[in-house]
Protein backbone atom coordinates (compact mmCIF):
# COMPACT_ATOMS: atom_id res chain seq x y z
CA MET A 1 29.06 -3.87 -5.29
CA ALA A 2 26.50 -3.50 -2.50
CA GLU A 3 26.44 0.29 -2.96
CA GLU A 4 25.11 -0.17 -6.49
CA PHE A 5 21.78 -1.49 -5.21
CA ARG A 6 19.00 1.00 -5.90
CA ASP A 7 16.07 1.55 -3.59
CA PRO A 8 13.16 -0.08 -5.54
CA ARG A 9 10.80 2.59 -4.26
CA GLU A 10 12.67 5.31 -6.14
CA VAL A 11 10.69 5.30 -9.37
CA ASP A 12 9.32 8.09 -11.52
CA TRP A 13 5.80 7.31 -10.30
CA HIS A 14 6.60 7.57 -6.58
CA PRO A 15 3.64 9.13 -4.67
CA ARG A 16 5.60 12.26 -3.84
CA ARG A 17 5.90 12.96 -7.57
CA ALA A 18 2.18 12.57 -8.35
CA GLN A 19 0.55 15.64 -9.86
CA THR A 20 -3.06 14.49 -9.43
CA LEU A 21 -5.19 12.50 -7.01
CA VAL A 22 -8.12 10.41 -8.24
CA GLY A 23 -11.19 9.42 -6.26
CA HIS A 24 -10.56 10.88 -2.81
CA GLU A 25 -12.23 14.25 -3.09
CA ALA A 26 -13.96 14.04 0.31
CA ALA A 27 -10.71 13.31 2.14
CA GLU A 28 -8.97 16.14 0.30
CA ALA A 29 -11.79 18.52 1.22
CA ARG A 30 -11.56 17.52 4.88
CA LEU A 31 -7.83 18.27 4.99
CA LEU A 32 -8.29 21.59 3.22
CA GLN A 33 -11.04 22.58 5.65
CA ALA A 34 -8.77 21.72 8.58
CA CYS A 35 -6.07 24.01 7.17
CA GLN A 36 -8.51 26.84 6.64
CA SER A 37 -9.99 26.56 10.13
CA GLU A 38 -6.69 27.27 11.92
CA LYS A 39 -7.30 24.09 13.95
CA LEU A 40 -5.17 21.60 12.06
CA HIS A 41 -4.59 18.51 14.17
CA HIS A 42 -0.92 17.53 14.45
CA ALA A 43 -1.30 13.81 13.55
CA TRP A 44 -3.44 12.22 10.85
CA LEU A 45 -3.83 8.49 10.29
CA ILE A 46 -4.65 7.90 6.62
CA THR A 47 -6.15 4.42 6.42
CA GLY A 48 -7.47 2.02 3.79
CA ALA A 49 -6.43 -0.84 1.55
CA GLU A 50 -2.90 -0.90 0.22
CA GLY A 51 -2.27 0.91 -3.05
CA ILE A 52 -5.40 3.08 -3.20
CA GLY A 53 -3.66 6.46 -2.94
CA LYS A 54 -2.99 7.04 0.77
CA ALA A 55 0.66 7.99 0.33
CA THR A 56 -0.24 10.10 -2.70
CA LEU A 57 -2.72 12.05 -0.56
CA ALA A 58 -0.17 12.43 2.24
CA TYR A 59 2.45 13.91 -0.06
CA ARG A 60 -0.14 16.02 -1.85
CA PHE A 61 -1.22 17.53 1.46
CA ALA A 62 2.39 18.03 2.55
CA LYS A 63 3.18 19.95 -0.65
CA PHE A 64 0.10 22.11 -0.19
CA LEU A 65 0.89 22.96 3.42
CA LEU A 66 4.49 23.81 2.61
CA GLN A 67 3.23 26.04 -0.22
CA ALA A 68 0.37 27.64 1.78
CA PRO A 69 1.38 27.42 5.45
CA THR A 70 -1.20 29.78 6.95
CA ALA A 71 -4.98 29.58 7.19
CA ALA A 72 -5.29 32.81 5.21
CA GLU A 73 -3.25 31.37 2.35
CA ALA A 74 -5.18 28.09 2.47
CA LYS A 75 -8.49 29.95 2.20
CA ALA A 76 -7.44 31.21 -1.21
CA HIS A 77 -7.53 27.65 -2.56
CA GLY A 78 -10.36 25.31 -3.49
CA GLY A 79 -8.24 22.16 -3.36
CA LEU A 80 -4.82 20.83 -2.49
CA HIS A 81 -3.32 21.14 -5.96
CA VAL A 82 0.20 22.56 -6.16
CA SER A 83 1.70 23.41 -9.53
CA PRO A 84 4.37 20.93 -10.65
CA GLU A 85 6.38 23.98 -11.73
CA SER A 86 6.52 25.40 -8.21
CA HIS A 87 9.69 25.31 -6.14
CA VAL A 88 7.96 23.38 -3.34
CA PHE A 89 6.65 20.70 -5.69
CA ARG A 90 10.05 20.21 -7.28
CA GLN A 91 11.80 19.95 -3.91
CA VAL A 92 9.31 17.41 -2.58
CA ALA A 93 9.39 15.40 -5.81
CA ALA A 94 13.17 15.22 -5.53
CA GLY A 95 13.00 14.19 -1.88
CA ALA A 96 14.96 17.33 -1.02
CA HIS A 97 12.61 19.62 0.90
CA PRO A 98 14.26 20.52 4.24
CA ASP A 99 10.94 20.65 6.09
CA LEU A 100 9.62 17.27 4.94
CA LEU A 101 10.81 13.95 6.35
CA ALA A 102 9.95 10.51 4.94
CA VAL A 103 9.89 7.93 7.74
CA GLN A 104 10.13 4.53 6.09
CA ARG A 105 12.00 1.25 6.06
CA GLY A 106 15.71 1.54 5.48
CA VAL A 107 17.67 -0.25 2.78
CA ASP A 108 19.79 -3.28 3.55
CA TYR A 109 22.56 -2.61 1.03
CA ARG A 110 24.55 -5.65 2.06
CA ASN A 111 21.75 -8.05 1.10
CA LYS A 112 20.37 -5.77 -1.63
CA ARG A 113 16.83 -5.45 -0.31
CA LEU A 114 14.58 -3.33 1.86
CA LYS A 115 14.68 -4.05 5.56
CA THR A 116 11.78 -6.16 6.76
CA GLU A 117 10.68 -3.61 9.38
CA LEU A 118 10.67 0.11 9.95
CA ALA A 119 13.37 -0.06 12.59
CA VAL A 120 13.87 2.15 15.62
CA GLU A 121 16.87 3.87 14.02
CA ASP A 122 14.63 4.88 11.10
CA ALA A 123 11.95 6.21 13.45
CA ARG A 124 14.47 8.15 15.54
CA ALA A 125 15.05 10.46 12.61
CA ALA A 126 11.70 12.06 13.53
CA PRO A 127 12.65 13.46 16.99
CA GLU A 128 15.86 14.90 15.53
CA PHE A 129 13.96 16.39 12.58
CA PHE A 130 11.32 18.04 14.76
CA SER A 131 13.94 19.45 17.13
CA ARG A 132 15.12 21.77 14.36
CA THR A 133 13.51 25.03 13.30
CA ALA A 134 11.64 24.88 10.02
CA ALA A 135 13.87 26.17 7.22
CA GLY A 136 10.99 28.10 5.70
CA GLY A 137 9.58 29.29 9.01
CA GLY A 138 6.41 27.27 8.46
CA TRP A 139 5.51 23.66 9.02
CA ARG A 140 7.70 20.63 9.61
CA ILE A 141 6.02 17.52 8.22
CA ALA A 142 6.79 13.82 8.55
CA VAL A 143 5.18 11.26 6.25
CA VAL A 144 5.25 7.76 7.78
CA ASP A 145 4.88 5.15 5.04
CA SER A 146 3.77 2.83 6.38
CA ALA A 147 2.76 2.35 10.01
CA ASP A 148 2.17 -1.36 9.33
CA GLU A 149 5.93 -1.82 9.18
CA LEU A 150 6.65 -0.33 12.61
CA ASN A 151 7.87 -2.65 15.35
CA ALA A 152 7.23 -1.97 19.03
CA ALA A 153 10.43 0.03 19.51
CA SER A 154 10.00 2.23 16.43
CA ALA A 155 6.31 2.82 17.18
CA ASN A 156 7.20 4.01 20.68
CA ALA A 157 9.92 6.29 19.30
CA LEU A 158 7.32 8.01 17.12
CA LEU A 159 4.76 8.05 19.91
CA LYS A 160 7.02 10.17 22.12
CA VAL A 161 7.06 12.96 19.55
CA ILE A 162 3.37 12.67 18.70
CA GLU A 163 2.40 12.87 22.38
CA GLU A 164 4.29 16.16 22.82
CA PRO A 165 4.42 17.70 19.37
CA PRO A 166 6.49 20.82 18.74
CA ARG A 167 4.64 23.85 17.44
CA ARG A 168 3.66 23.69 13.76
CA SER A 169 4.58 20.05 13.37
CA LEU A 170 2.54 17.52 11.45
CA PHE A 171 2.52 13.73 11.16
CA LEU A 172 0.85 12.12 8.13
CA ILE A 173 0.77 8.39 8.88
CA VAL A 174 -0.14 5.91 6.15
CA CYS A 175 -1.70 2.71 7.50
CA ASN A 176 -3.01 -0.31 5.57
CA ASN A 177 -4.16 -2.30 8.59
CA LEU A 178 -5.27 -0.52 11.76
CA GLY A 179 -5.13 -3.78 13.71
CA ARG A 180 -1.33 -3.72 13.53
CA LEU A 181 -1.01 -0.27 15.08
CA LEU A 182 -0.33 0.42 18.75
CA PRO A 183 -3.62 1.56 20.37
CA THR A 184 -1.77 4.40 22.09
CA LEU A 185 -0.44 5.66 18.77
CA ARG A 186 -3.82 5.33 17.12
CA SER A 187 -5.51 7.27 19.92
CA ARG A 188 -3.29 10.32 19.33
CA CYS A 189 -4.31 10.65 15.69
CA LEU A 190 -7.33 11.75 13.70
CA THR A 191 -8.32 8.94 11.38
CA LEU A 192 -8.94 9.72 7.72
CA PRO A 193 -10.27 6.58 5.99
CA LEU A 194 -9.99 6.19 2.21
CA SER A 195 -12.14 3.82 0.15
CA PRO A 196 -11.08 1.66 -2.82
CA LEU A 197 -11.53 3.24 -6.23
CA SER A 198 -13.93 2.16 -8.93
CA ASP A 199 -12.56 0.12 -11.83
CA ALA A 200 -12.80 3.20 -14.07
CA GLN A 201 -10.89 5.32 -11.57
CA THR A 202 -8.28 2.61 -11.08
CA LEU A 203 -7.72 2.38 -14.84
CA ALA A 204 -7.52 6.18 -15.06
CA VAL A 205 -4.75 6.22 -12.45
CA LEU A 206 -2.81 3.56 -14.34
CA ARG A 207 -3.21 5.38 -17.64
CA SER A 208 -1.79 8.54 -16.05
CA LEU A 209 1.49 6.83 -15.07
CA PRO A 210 4.70 7.28 -17.07
CA GLU A 211 5.12 4.88 -19.98
CA LYS A 212 7.98 3.16 -18.20
CA ALA A 213 5.63 2.06 -15.39
CA LEU A 214 3.39 0.25 -17.88
CA GLU A 215 6.09 -1.25 -20.06
CA GLY A 216 5.01 -4.73 -21.11
CA LYS A 217 1.77 -4.44 -19.13
CA GLN A 218 -0.62 -2.59 -21.44
CA ASP A 219 -2.41 -5.71 -22.71
CA SER A 220 -3.17 -7.00 -19.22
CA LEU A 221 -4.35 -3.77 -17.56
CA THR A 222 -8.09 -4.44 -17.78
CA GLU A 223 -7.73 -7.89 -16.25
CA ALA A 224 -5.42 -6.54 -13.54
CA VAL A 225 -7.88 -3.79 -12.67
CA ALA A 226 -10.69 -6.35 -12.26
CA LEU A 227 -8.54 -8.34 -9.82
CA SER A 228 -7.24 -5.34 -7.88
CA LYS A 229 -10.47 -4.45 -6.03
CA GLY A 230 -9.98 -0.73 -6.49
CA SER A 231 -6.23 -0.53 -5.81
CA PRO A 232 -4.12 1.01 -8.59
CA GLY A 233 -0.97 -0.02 -6.74
CA LYS A 234 -2.06 -3.63 -6.66
CA ALA A 235 -3.25 -3.49 -10.27
CA LEU A 236 0.19 -2.26 -11.35
CA ARG A 237 1.82 -5.23 -9.64
CA LEU A 238 -0.73 -7.65 -11.07
CA ALA A 239 -0.42 -6.44 -14.66
CA GLY A 240 1.82 -8.79 -16.59
CA SER A 241 2.32 -11.04 -13.57
CA LEU A 242 2.48 -14.77 -14.18
CA GLY A 243 0.75 -15.22 -10.83
CA ALA A 244 -2.19 -13.09 -11.94
CA GLN A 245 -2.38 -14.97 -15.24
CA ALA A 246 -2.51 -18.31 -13.40
CA PHE A 247 -5.27 -17.04 -11.13
CA ALA A 248 -7.25 -15.72 -14.10
CA ALA A 249 -6.95 -19.18 -15.69
CA PHE A 250 -8.27 -20.68 -12.48
CA GLN A 251 -11.27 -18.33 -12.40
CA LYS A 252 -12.25 -19.23 -15.96
CA ARG A 253 -12.68 -22.92 -15.12
CA ALA A 254 -16.19 -24.12 -14.31
CA ARG A 255 -14.86 -26.78 -11.96
CA LEU A 256 -11.52 -28.08 -10.75
CA SER A 257 -10.71 -31.56 -11.94
CA PRO A 258 -7.33 -33.08 -11.06
CA ALA A 259 -6.20 -32.42 -14.64
CA VAL A 260 -7.15 -28.74 -14.39
CA ALA A 261 -5.38 -28.38 -11.04
CA VAL A 262 -2.23 -29.91 -12.51
CA GLU A 263 -2.46 -27.62 -15.55
CA ILE A 264 -2.73 -24.46 -13.44
CA GLY A 265 -0.04 -25.68 -11.06
CA ALA A 266 2.28 -26.19 -14.04
CA ALA A 267 2.57 -22.40 -14.33
CA PHE A 268 4.81 -22.63 -11.26
CA SER A 269 7.45 -24.91 -12.68
CA GLY A 270 10.43 -22.61 -12.35
CA ARG A 271 9.79 -19.67 -14.68
CA GLU A 272 7.94 -17.70 -12.04
CA THR A 273 9.45 -15.36 -9.47
CA ALA A 274 8.73 -15.40 -5.76
CA GLU A 275 6.54 -12.34 -6.34
CA ASP A 276 4.48 -14.25 -8.94
CA PHE A 277 3.90 -17.03 -6.43
CA HIS A 278 2.97 -14.61 -3.65
CA MET A 279 0.58 -12.83 -5.99
CA PHE A 280 -1.21 -16.05 -6.88
CA CYS A 281 -1.36 -17.09 -3.22
CA ASP A 282 -2.82 -13.77 -2.11
CA LEU A 283 -5.45 -13.87 -4.86
CA LEU A 284 -6.42 -17.48 -4.18
CA VAL A 285 -6.61 -17.08 -0.40
CA GLY A 286 -8.65 -13.88 -0.74
CA TRP A 287 -11.03 -15.45 -3.24
CA THR A 288 -11.48 -18.56 -1.09
CA GLY A 289 -12.27 -16.39 1.91
CA GLU A 290 -14.93 -14.53 -0.08
CA GLN A 291 -16.50 -17.83 -1.16
CA ALA A 292 -16.51 -19.08 2.44
CA ARG A 293 -18.20 -15.91 3.70
CA ALA A 294 -20.82 -16.05 0.96
CA ALA A 295 -21.56 -19.73 1.67
CA GLY A 296 -21.65 -18.98 5.40
CA LEU A 297 -24.62 -16.68 4.94
CA SER A 298 -26.66 -19.73 3.92
CA GLY A 299 -25.21 -21.91 6.66
CA GLN A 300 -23.01 -23.91 4.28
CA GLY A 301 -19.60 -22.27 4.69
CA ALA A 302 -17.91 -24.66 7.14
CA ALA A 303 -16.14 -26.77 4.50
CA LEU A 304 -14.90 -23.72 2.58
CA ALA A 305 -13.81 -21.97 5.76
CA ALA A 306 -11.74 -25.02 6.72
CA ALA A 307 -10.29 -25.18 3.20
CA HIS A 308 -9.41 -21.48 3.38
CA ASP A 309 -7.40 -22.05 6.56
CA ASP A 310 -5.72 -25.18 5.18
CA ILE A 311 -4.78 -23.51 1.89
CA ASN A 312 -3.48 -20.39 3.60
CA SER A 313 -1.34 -22.51 5.91
CA SER A 314 0.03 -24.75 3.15
CA LEU A 315 0.93 -21.83 0.88
CA ARG A 316 2.74 -20.01 3.69
CA GLN A 317 4.59 -23.18 4.65
CA ALA A 318 5.66 -23.78 1.07
CA ASP A 319 7.05 -20.26 0.88
CA ALA A 320 8.84 -20.49 4.22
CA LEU A 321 10.38 -23.91 3.52
CA ASN A 322 10.97 -23.36 -0.19
CA LEU A 323 8.83 -26.36 -1.12
CA ASP A 324 7.85 -27.25 -4.67
CA ARG A 325 5.49 -24.49 -5.78
CA ARG A 326 3.88 -26.46 -8.60
CA GLN A 327 2.86 -29.29 -6.28
CA THR A 328 1.78 -26.86 -3.57
CA VAL A 329 -0.56 -25.00 -5.94
CA THR A 330 -1.94 -28.25 -7.35
CA ASP A 331 -2.64 -29.57 -3.85
CA ALA A 332 -4.27 -26.29 -2.82
CA LEU A 333 -6.64 -26.36 -5.80
CA MET A 334 -7.58 -29.97 -5.14
CA ARG A 335 -8.27 -29.10 -1.50
CA LEU A 336 -10.55 -26.34 -2.72
CA GLU A 337 -12.43 -28.70 -5.06
CA GLU A 338 -12.89 -31.13 -2.17
CA ALA A 339 -14.47 -28.35 -0.12
CA PHE A 340 -16.84 -27.38 -2.94
CA ARG A 341 -18.00 -30.98 -3.21
CA ALA A 342 -18.67 -31.09 0.53
CA SER A 343 -20.66 -27.82 0.54
C-alpha cells in the first residue's frame, strides 16, 4: 500500500540526531557569539557543498538555542553542544519539538518517492508555525533543508515571513547553491559559508555513524572519501556504489582505448541502479571539468571544454530518454579520449 512507503530521509543518522559536529568550529563560534551578544539575526543562510554538515550545524544550533534561549544562558557555554540525554535533544531528535519546524520537500506517497520540489504548501507551514506562541516561551525555529529545492512560489511564501519576522523567530536555511536562490531572499539573510572537510575529517564523520549506515560499505570507505572532495554525505553515497567503482576503474587507466571504454561501459549492463549511473555521471562530468580548467590555464583547454559540454549533454539525454547506459558511457569515454588527443 502507498501508506507503507517510508520517507528515505528518516534514518538513524539524520542530521537532527547528530551528537557531534566535525570541522566547522569557526562557524559554530560565530553562531555562539551571536547568541551571547543579544543581537541574533533572524535569518541565517548556511552555504557550502552538499553533504559537508550544513544541516547538522543548523539542527545543532537549533537544539542549543532551545536549550539556552537567553544571552545570559548562552554565555555560560563555550560551544553549541547539547547533551543527548537532555529533553530538548531527545525531542529534536524525534522530530517532536513544538518550537522547531522542518521545512522540506513533502513525500509523494502515491508514487512512493520524495516530491521533486519544496512546494508552496510545504513552505506555507512556516507562516502558520510562526503565528503561534512558542510552547516554551522562547524561540521558534524553522530549518529549511534545502533552499535549492524551493520553487518561485514556495520561496516567496517564506520571504513574506522573513521580511517581517515575529519576535524571537529564527530561520536556519541550508543552501548548496546560492545561484539558485531568489536574490530578495538571499538579501534578507546573514550568510554563513562552510568549507569542505579534509579527508581525515570526512573519514572521522563516517566512522562515527551507526553501523547500519556503513553496512556493506566498510571496505570502500577510503576510496569513497578520496572521491567525495570533503563531503561525508557524498562519501556515504559513493561507498559501495557500482558507479563509484566504475569511475575508480576509469581513473586507474593510463589512457582510454576503445577496449578500455567498452570494459568500463560494461559495468552499466543492467545490474546498476539509476543512482549508480547518476553517481558515475556526476563524477565523470566533474572530473572532465577539472581537466578542462587545468588545461585552460596553459591555453590548451578548448578541446576538453567542448568534450565536457558534449559529455554532460549526452549523459543527461540518456537519463531523460532512458537510453542504453552501457553505450552512453562507452561513447562518453571515447569522446573524452578524442579530446585528450586533440589537446
